[in-house]
Amino acid sequence: MSATTPGPTAAGRRPTLDELRAVTQPESTMSRRNAEHWLARLFLRKVSLRVTALLIRTPVSANALTGWMIIVGLVGALVLALVGGWLGIVLTFVLVQVYFLLDLCDGEVARWRRTTSITGVYLDRVGHYVVEGALLSGLGLRAGDGGFGGWSTIGVATGLCAILIKAESDLVDVARVRAGAPLPTEASVELRSNTLSGLRRAAQVLKIHQVTGALELSFILLVAMVVDLAAGDLLGTRITAVVMAVVAGTMVVVHLVSILLSRRLD
């Protein structure tokens, strides 16, 4: 059995981290456009590989890990909305890190066991939709000090915008499949206008399109917590809620335009 063959190694030997990495984190997958989060590349994949090395020794399935990912993310959203003070932010931060780690591990376990499936991909996408929308809604509730009103409405609207941004990307594949066209290539995301392409690359460098994502939001919340503590109120949380709303609302339009002006629908 080769070093990169999934499953139990020869004589029941556990795979080394290098053997596990070759299968679960192949360069052909990790190098794809938007395949990897910048923080995953920086260090989280090193952590997830070690966790996956433990998980493959258990009967837990990749889809079960995805389910736990969704549960942990939703608990984080509830904590953000309902647990006041610095404790709520810290707990949310920890839960989001676990959520993201599970998101990495489910795919790694699936690749090692050769159990990658359409169901798994679907559950993963649903999980990101639900959790990221819930976290932004939870932020609005927290900004309103747990009450329903203007702040909670802003949070829910921001969450819906974040979901719509993801849907805009996924609907490209839906439209192409229904039209009988092949899935878009990596090159098709480039815009027809050189000027717009330059602006798009600048936005990618600044990671503006990821600001409303769960992982980025968890770090921004830590900054908001410091501002809240210094101000003695919810100033940092409310500024964050407004910024997230502006970014998400703007990105819904900008992302839609970028798709229409690219070659993804050709």
Foldseek 3Di string as FASTA:
>chain_A
DDLQAFDQDPPRDQRDLVSLCCQLPPCVQVVAVVSDDPVCVVPLVVVLSVVLSVVLVDPDALLNLLVVLLVLLLVLLVLLQPPDAPVSLVSSLVSLSSSVSSLSNSSSSCRRVVNDDPVSVVSNLVSQLVSLLSNQLSLLNVLVVNDDDDSSVLSNLLSVLLSLLSVLVVVLQVLCVVVVHDADDSQQLQFPDPVVNVVVVVCVVVVLVCCSGSNNVSVQSVVQSVVCVVVVHNVSSVVSSVVSSVSSVVSSVVSNVSNVRTRSND
